[in-house]
């Protein structure tokens, strides 16, 4: 039970950290790049098992 709870908490912390990184990037990026990042994030969250292209570093990072 504790191992399961630890994994759940770790996943939540990892997700919060990636949100902070994306937010910081979007603060300095132009609107087109920020939109592209948001589209990638939403695609990964909606389709977590979809195969990602090798160049999709953010998508691969978020899939873990």
PDB file of N, CA and C in Angstrom:
ATOM      1  N   UNK A   1       0.823  -1.193   0.000  1.00  0.00           N
ATOM      2  CA  UNK A   1       0.000   0.000   0.000  1.00  0.00           C
ATOM      3  C   UNK A   1       0.869   1.261   0.000  1.00  0.00           C
ATOM      4  N   UNK A   2       1.898   1.276   0.837  1.00  0.00           N
ATOM      5  CA  UNK A   2       2.761   2.441   0.920  1.00  0.00           C
ATOM      6  C   UNK A   2       3.519   2.664  -0.385  1.00  0.00           C
ATOM      7  N   UNK A   3       3.928   1.569  -1.019  1.00  0.00           N
ATOM      8  CA  UNK A   3       4.643   1.679  -2.290  1.00  0.00           C
ATOM      9  C   UNK A   3       3.744   2.307  -3.361  1.00  0.00           C
ATOM     10  N   UNK A   4       2.485   1.929  -3.347  1.00  0.00           N
ATOM     11  CA  UNK A   4       1.515   2.471  -4.300  1.00  0.00           C
ATOM     12  C   UNK A   4       1.283   3.955  -4.056  1.00  0.00           C
ATOM     13  N   UNK A   5       1.150   4.341  -2.807  1.00  0.00           N
ATOM     14  CA  UNK A   5       0.945   5.738  -2.448  1.00  0.00           C
ATOM     15  C   UNK A   5       2.164   6.580  -2.805  1.00  0.00           C
ATOM     16  N   UNK A   6       3.342   6.027  -2.589  1.00  0.00           N
ATOM     17  CA  UNK A   6       4.580   6.729  -2.932  1.00  0.00           C
ATOM     18  C   UNK A   6       4.653   6.973  -4.438  1.00  0.00           C
ATOM     19  N   UNK A   7       4.302   5.965  -5.238  1.00  0.00           N
ATOM     20  CA  UNK A   7       4.323   6.115  -6.699  1.00  0.00           C
ATOM     21  C   UNK A   7       3.296   7.158  -7.138  1.00  0.00           C
ATOM     22  N   UNK A   8       2.143   7.178  -6.500  1.00  0.00           N
ATOM     23  CA  UNK A   8       1.098   8.145  -6.825  1.00  0.00           C
ATOM     24  C   UNK A   8       1.570   9.566  -6.510  1.00  0.00           C
ATOM     25  N   UNK A   9       2.160   9.749  -5.342  1.00  0.00           N
ATOM     26  CA  UNK A   9       2.670  11.064  -4.952  1.00  0.00           C
ATOM     27  C   UNK A   9       3.809  11.504  -5.857  1.00  0.00           C
ATOM     28  N   UNK A  10       4.676  10.588  -6.230  1.00  0.00           N
ATOM     29  CA  UNK A  10       5.790  10.903  -7.129  1.00  0.00           C
ATOM     30  C   UNK A  10       5.270  11.366  -8.482  1.00  0.00           C
ATOM     31  N   UNK A  11       4.242  10.690  -8.994  1.00  0.00           N
ATOM     32  CA  UNK A  11       3.648  11.078 -10.279  1.00  0.00           C
ATOM     33  C   UNK A  11       3.077  12.489 -10.210  1.00  0.00           C
ATOM     34  N   UNK A  12       2.411  12.803  -9.107  1.00  0.00           N
ATOM     35  CA  UNK A  12       1.852  14.148  -8.925  1.00  0.00           C
ATOM     36  C   UNK A  12       2.936  15.213  -8.865  1.00  0.00           C
ATOM     37  N   UNK A  13       4.012  14.917  -8.172  1.00  0.00           N
ATOM     38  CA  UNK A  13       5.133  15.867  -8.078  1.00  0.00           C
ATOM     39  C   UNK A  13       5.815  16.053  -9.424  1.00  0.00           C
ATOM     40  N   UNK A  14       5.998  14.966 -10.159  1.00  0.00           N
ATOM     41  CA  UNK A  14       6.601  15.065 -11.492  1.00  0.00           C
ATOM     42  C   UNK A  14       5.737  15.902 -12.425  1.00  0.00           C
ATOM     43  N   UNK A  15       4.432  15.711 -12.365  1.00  0.00           N
ATOM     44  CA  UNK A  15       3.519  16.477 -13.203  1.00  0.00           C
ATOM     45  C   UNK A  15       3.557  17.959 -12.834  1.00  0.00           C
ATOM     46  N   UNK A  16       3.563  18.266 -11.544  1.00  0.00           N
ATOM     47  CA  UNK A  16       3.649  19.661 -11.114  1.00  0.00           C
ATOM     48  C   UNK A  16       4.960  20.296 -11.582  1.00  0.00           C
ATOM     49  N   UNK A  17       6.064  19.561 -11.499  1.00  0.00           N
ATOM     50  CA  UNK A  17       7.358  20.085 -11.947  1.00  0.00           C
ATOM     51  C   UNK A  17       7.361  20.385 -13.437  1.00  0.00           C
ATOM     52  N   UNK A  18       6.802  19.488 -14.245  1.00  0.00           N
ATOM     53  CA  UNK A  18       6.784  19.738 -15.689  1.00  0.00           C
ATOM     54  C   UNK A  18       5.886  20.920 -16.014  1.00  0.00           C
ATOM     55  N   UNK A  19       4.814  21.108 -15.250  1.00  0.00           N
ATOM     56  CA  UNK A  19       3.964  22.288 -15.460  1.00  0.00           C
ATOM     57  C   UNK A  19       4.739  23.572 -15.175  1.00  0.00           C
ATOM     58  N   UNK A  20       5.545  23.586 -14.139  1.00  0.00           N
ATOM     59  CA  UNK A  20       6.355  24.776 -13.834  1.00  0.00           C
ATOM     60  C   UNK A  20       7.357  25.059 -14.956  1.00  0.00           C
ATOM     61  N   UNK A  21       7.984  24.020 -15.487  1.00  0.00           N
ATOM     62  CA  UNK A  21       8.942  24.187 -16.581  1.00  0.00           C
ATOM     63  C   UNK A  21       8.230  24.737 -17.822  1.00  0.00           C
ATOM     64  N   UNK A  22       7.084  24.174 -18.150  1.00  0.00           N
ATOM     65  CA  UNK A  22       6.327  24.641 -19.314  1.00  0.00           C
ATOM     66  C   UNK A  22       5.875  26.087 -19.124  1.00  0.00           C
ATOM     67  N   UNK A  23       5.434  26.428 -17.937  1.00  0.00           N
ATOM     68  CA  UNK A  23       5.003  27.795 -17.656  1.00  0.00           C
ATOM     69  C   UNK A  23       6.156  28.784 -17.813  1.00  0.00           C
ATOM     70  N   UNK A  24       7.318  28.434 -17.303  1.00  0.00           N
ATOM     71  CA  UNK A  24       8.485  29.309 -17.438  1.00  0.00           C
ATOM     72  C   UNK A  24       8.876  29.486 -18.904  1.00  0.00           C
ATOM     73  N   UNK A  25       8.819  28.402 -19.671  1.00  0.00           N
ATOM     74  CA  UNK A  25       9.150  28.488 -21.093  1.00  0.00           C
ATOM     75  C   UNK A  25       8.136  29.366 -21.821  1.00  0.00           C
ATOM     76  N   UNK A  26       6.853  29.166 -21.524  1.00  0.00           N
ATOM     77  CA  UNK A  26       5.812  29.937 -22.204  1.00  0.00           C
ATOM     78  C   UNK A  26       5.853  31.421 -21.854  1.00  0.00           C
ATOM     79  N   UNK A  27       6.433  31.765 -20.730  1.00  0.00           N
ATOM     80  CA  UNK A  27       6.566  33.177 -20.359  1.00  0.00           C
ATOM     81  C   UNK A  27       7.486  33.930 -21.310  1.00  0.00           C
ATOM     82  N   UNK A  28       8.494  33.260 -21.853  1.00  0.00           N
ATOM     83  CA  UNK A  28       9.468  33.931 -22.717  1.00  0.00           C
ATOM     84  C   UNK A  28       9.299  33.578 -24.200  1.00  0.00           C
ATOM     85  N   UNK A  29       8.475  32.588 -24.510  1.00  0.00           N
ATOM     86  CA  UNK A  29       8.299  32.142 -25.893  1.00  0.00           C
ATOM     87  C   UNK A  29       7.290  33.028 -26.620  1.00  0.00           C
ATOM     88  N   UNK A  30       7.376  33.022 -27.947  1.00  0.00           N
ATOM     89  CA  UNK A  30       6.362  33.741 -28.718  1.00  0.00           C
ATOM     90  C   UNK A  30       5.068  32.920 -28.714  1.00  0.00           C
ATOM     91  N   UNK A  31       3.992  33.515 -29.169  1.00  0.00           N
ATOM     92  CA  UNK A  31       2.676  32.872 -29.049  1.00  0.00           C
ATOM     93  C   UNK A  31       2.584  31.582 -29.865  1.00  0.00           C
ATOM     94  N   UNK A  32       3.246  31.532 -31.004  1.00  0.00           N
ATOM     95  CA  UNK A  32       3.204  30.325 -31.834  1.00  0.00           C
ATOM     96  C   UNK A  32       3.895  29.153 -31.140  1.00  0.00           C
ATOM     97  N   UNK A  33       5.049  29.397 -30.554  1.00  0.00           N
ATOM     98  CA  UNK A  33       5.773  28.338 -29.846  1.00  0.00           C
ATOM     99  C   UNK A  33       5.008  27.894 -28.596  1.00  0.00           C
ATOM    100  N   UNK A  34       4.417  28.852 -27.886  1.00  0.00           N
ATOM    101  CA  UNK A  34       3.646  28.515 -26.685  1.00  0.00           C
ATOM    102  C   UNK A  34       2.427  27.663 -27.040  1.00  0.00           C
ATOM    103  N   UNK A  35       1.780  27.987 -28.140  1.00  0.00           N
ATOM    104  CA  UNK A  35       0.635  27.196 -28.586  1.00  0.00           C
ATOM    105  C   UNK A  35       1.056  25.790 -28.952  1.00  0.00           C
ATOM    106  N   UNK A  36       2.195  25.655 -29.614  1.00  0.00           N
ATOM    107  CA  UNK A  36       2.698  24.342 -29.995  1.00  0.00           C
ATOM    108  C   UNK A  36       3.015  23.498 -28.756  1.00  0.00           C
ATOM    109  N   UNK A  37       3.635  24.105 -27.753  1.00  0.00           N
ATOM    110  CA  UNK A  37       3.941  23.390 -26.511  1.00  0.00           C
ATOM    111  C   UNK A  37       2.652  22.937 -25.831  1.00  0.00           C
ATOM    112  N   UNK A  38       1.676  23.809 -25.755  1.00  0.00           N
ATOM    113  CA  UNK A  38       0.401  23.455 -25.115  1.00  0.00           C
ATOM    114  C   UNK A  38      -0.303  22.325 -25.868  1.00  0.00           C
ATOM    115  N   UNK A  39      -0.238  22.355 -27.194  1.00  0.00           N
ATOM    116  CA  UNK A  39      -0.844  21.281 -27.989  1.00  0.00           C
ATOM    117  C   UNK A  39      -0.164  19.940 -27.716  1.00  0.00           C
ATOM    118  N   UNK A  40       1.157  19.949 -27.593  1.00  0.00           N
ATOM    119  CA  UNK A  40       1.891  18.714 -27.295  1.00  0.00           C
ATOM    120  C   UNK A  40       1.501  18.185 -25.918  1.00  0.00           C
ATOM    121  N   UNK A  41       1.441  19.073 -24.939  1.00  0.00           N
ATOM    122  CA  UNK A  41       1.090  18.661 -23.570  1.00  0.00           C
ATOM    123  C   UNK A  41      -0.308  18.057 -23.533  1.00  0.00           C
ATOM    124  N   UNK A  42      -1.261  18.713 -24.178  1.00  0.00           N
ATOM    125  CA  UNK A  42      -2.628  18.195 -24.183  1.00  0.00           C
ATOM    126  C   UNK A  42      -2.714  16.860 -24.916  1.00  0.00           C
ATOM    127  N   UNK A  43      -1.946  16.692 -26.001  1.00  0.00           N
ATOM    128  CA  UNK A  43      -1.950  15.431 -26.728  1.00  0.00           C
ATOM    129  C   UNK A  43      -1.396  14.301 -25.873  1.00  0.00           C
ATOM    130  N   UNK A  44      -0.324  14.575 -25.132  1.00  0.00           N
ATOM    131  CA  UNK A  44       0.252  13.542 -24.259  1.00  0.00           C
ATOM    132  C   UNK A  44      -0.718  13.176 -23.146  1.00  0.00           C
ATOM    133  N   UNK A  45      -1.392  14.161 -22.572  1.00  0.00           N
ATOM    134  CA  UNK A  45      -2.340  13.871 -21.494  1.00  0.00           C
ATOM    135  C   UNK A  45      -3.568  13.116 -22.000  1.00  0.00           C
ATOM    136  N   UNK A  46      -4.011  13.424 -23.220  1.00  0.00           N
ATOM    137  CA  UNK A  46      -5.183  12.743 -23.786  1.00  0.00           C
ATOM    138  C   UNK A  46      -4.851  11.393 -24.395  1.00  0.00           C
ATOM    139  N   UNK A  47      -3.619  11.206 -24.864  1.00  0.00           N
ATOM    140  CA  UNK A  47      -3.198   9.964 -25.517  1.00  0.00           C
ATOM    141  C   UNK A  47      -1.857   9.499 -24.936  1.00  0.00           C
ATOM    142  N   UNK A  48      -1.858   9.021 -23.695  1.00  0.00           N
ATOM    143  CA  UNK A  48      -0.587   8.722 -23.028  1.00  0.00           C
ATOM    144  C   UNK A  48       0.193   7.553 -23.633  1.00  0.00           C
ATOM    145  N   UNK A  49      -0.460   6.673 -24.381  1.00  0.00           N
ATOM    146  CA  UNK A  49       0.239   5.503 -24.916  1.00  0.00           C
ATOM    147  C   UNK A  49       0.533   5.626 -26.407  1.00  0.00           C
ATOM    148  N   UNK A  50       0.252   6.776 -26.981  1.00  0.00           N
ATOM    149  CA  UNK A  50       0.518   7.013 -28.403  1.00  0.00           C
ATOM    150  C   UNK A  50       2.033   7.039 -28.640  1.00  0.00           C
ATOM    151  N   UNK A  51       2.460   6.410 -29.717  1.00  0.00           N
ATOM    152  CA  UNK A  51       3.893   6.419 -30.059  1.00  0.00           C
ATOM    153  C   UNK A  51       4.300   7.830 -30.460  1.00  0.00           C
ATOM    154  N   UNK A  52       5.415   8.294 -29.924  1.00  0.00           N
ATOM    155  CA  UNK A  52       5.915   9.645 -30.205  1.00  0.00           C
ATOM    156  C   UNK A  52       7.074   9.578 -31.183  1.00  0.00           C
ATOM    157  N   UNK A  53       7.204  10.612 -31.975  1.00  0.00           N
ATOM    158  CA  UNK A  53       8.334  10.705 -32.900  1.00  0.00           C
ATOM    159  C   UNK A  53       9.605  10.965 -32.095  1.00  0.00           C
ATOM    160  N   UNK A  54      10.747  10.585 -32.625  1.00  0.00           N
ATOM    161  CA  UNK A  54      12.016  10.779 -31.924  1.00  0.00           C
ATOM    162  C   UNK A  54      12.315  12.254 -31.677  1.00  0.00           C
ATOM    163  N   UNK A  55      11.878  13.144 -32.554  1.00  0.00           N
ATOM    164  CA  UNK A  55      12.140  14.569 -32.382  1.00  0.00           C
ATOM    165  C   UNK A  55      11.228  15.247 -31.382  1.00  0.00           C
ATOM    166  N   UNK A  56      10.188  14.551 -30.934  1.00  0.00           N
ATOM    167  CA  UNK A  56       9.221  15.121 -29.990  1.00  0.00           C
ATOM    168  C   UNK A  56       9.746  14.947 -28.565  1.00  0.00           C
ATOM    169  N   UNK A  57      10.729  15.745 -28.202  1.00  0.00           N
ATOM    170  CA  UNK A  57      11.399  15.590 -26.905  1.00  0.00           C
ATOM    171  C   UNK A  57      10.454  15.855 -25.738  1.00  0.00           C
ATOM    172  N   UNK A  58       9.609  16.866 -25.849  1.00  0.00           N
ATOM    173  CA  UNK A  58       8.678  17.167 -24.765  1.00  0.00           C
ATOM    174  C   UNK A  58       7.675  16.036 -24.592  1.00  0.00           C
ATOM    175  N   UNK A  59       7.148  15.527 -25.690  1.00  0.00           N
ATOM    176  CA  UNK A  59       6.204  14.415 -25.609  1.00  0.00           C
ATOM    177  C   UNK A  59       6.823  13.177 -24.994  1.00  0.00           C
ATOM    178  N   UNK A  60       8.057  12.869 -25.396  1.00  0.00           N
ATOM    179  CA  UNK A  60       8.757  11.718 -24.834  1.00  0.00           C
ATOM    180  C   UNK A  60       9.063  11.918 -23.356  1.00  0.00           C
ATOM    181  N   UNK A  61       9.429  13.145 -22.990  1.00  0.00           N
ATOM    182  CA  UNK A  61       9.716  13.446 -21.583  1.00  0.00           C
ATOM    183  C   UNK A  61       8.467  13.271 -20.727  1.00  0.00           C
ATOM    184  N   UNK A  62       7.348  13.759 -21.212  1.00  0.00           N
ATOM    185  CA  UNK A  62       6.114  13.669 -20.424  1.00  0.00           C
ATOM    186  C   UNK A  62       5.585  12.250 -20.324  1.00  0.00           C
ATOM    187  N   UNK A  63       5.856  11.429 -21.331  1.00  0.00           N
ATOM    188  CA  UNK A  63       5.410  10.034 -21.256  1.00  0.00           C
ATOM    189  C   UNK A  63       6.224   9.249 -20.239  1.00  0.00           C
ATOM    190  N   UNK A  64       7.412   9.706 -19.948  1.00  0.00           N
ATOM    191  CA  UNK A  64       8.239   9.064 -18.944  1.00  0.00           C
ATOM    192  C   UNK A  64       8.976   7.941 -19.510  1.00  0.00           C
TER     193      UNK A  64
END
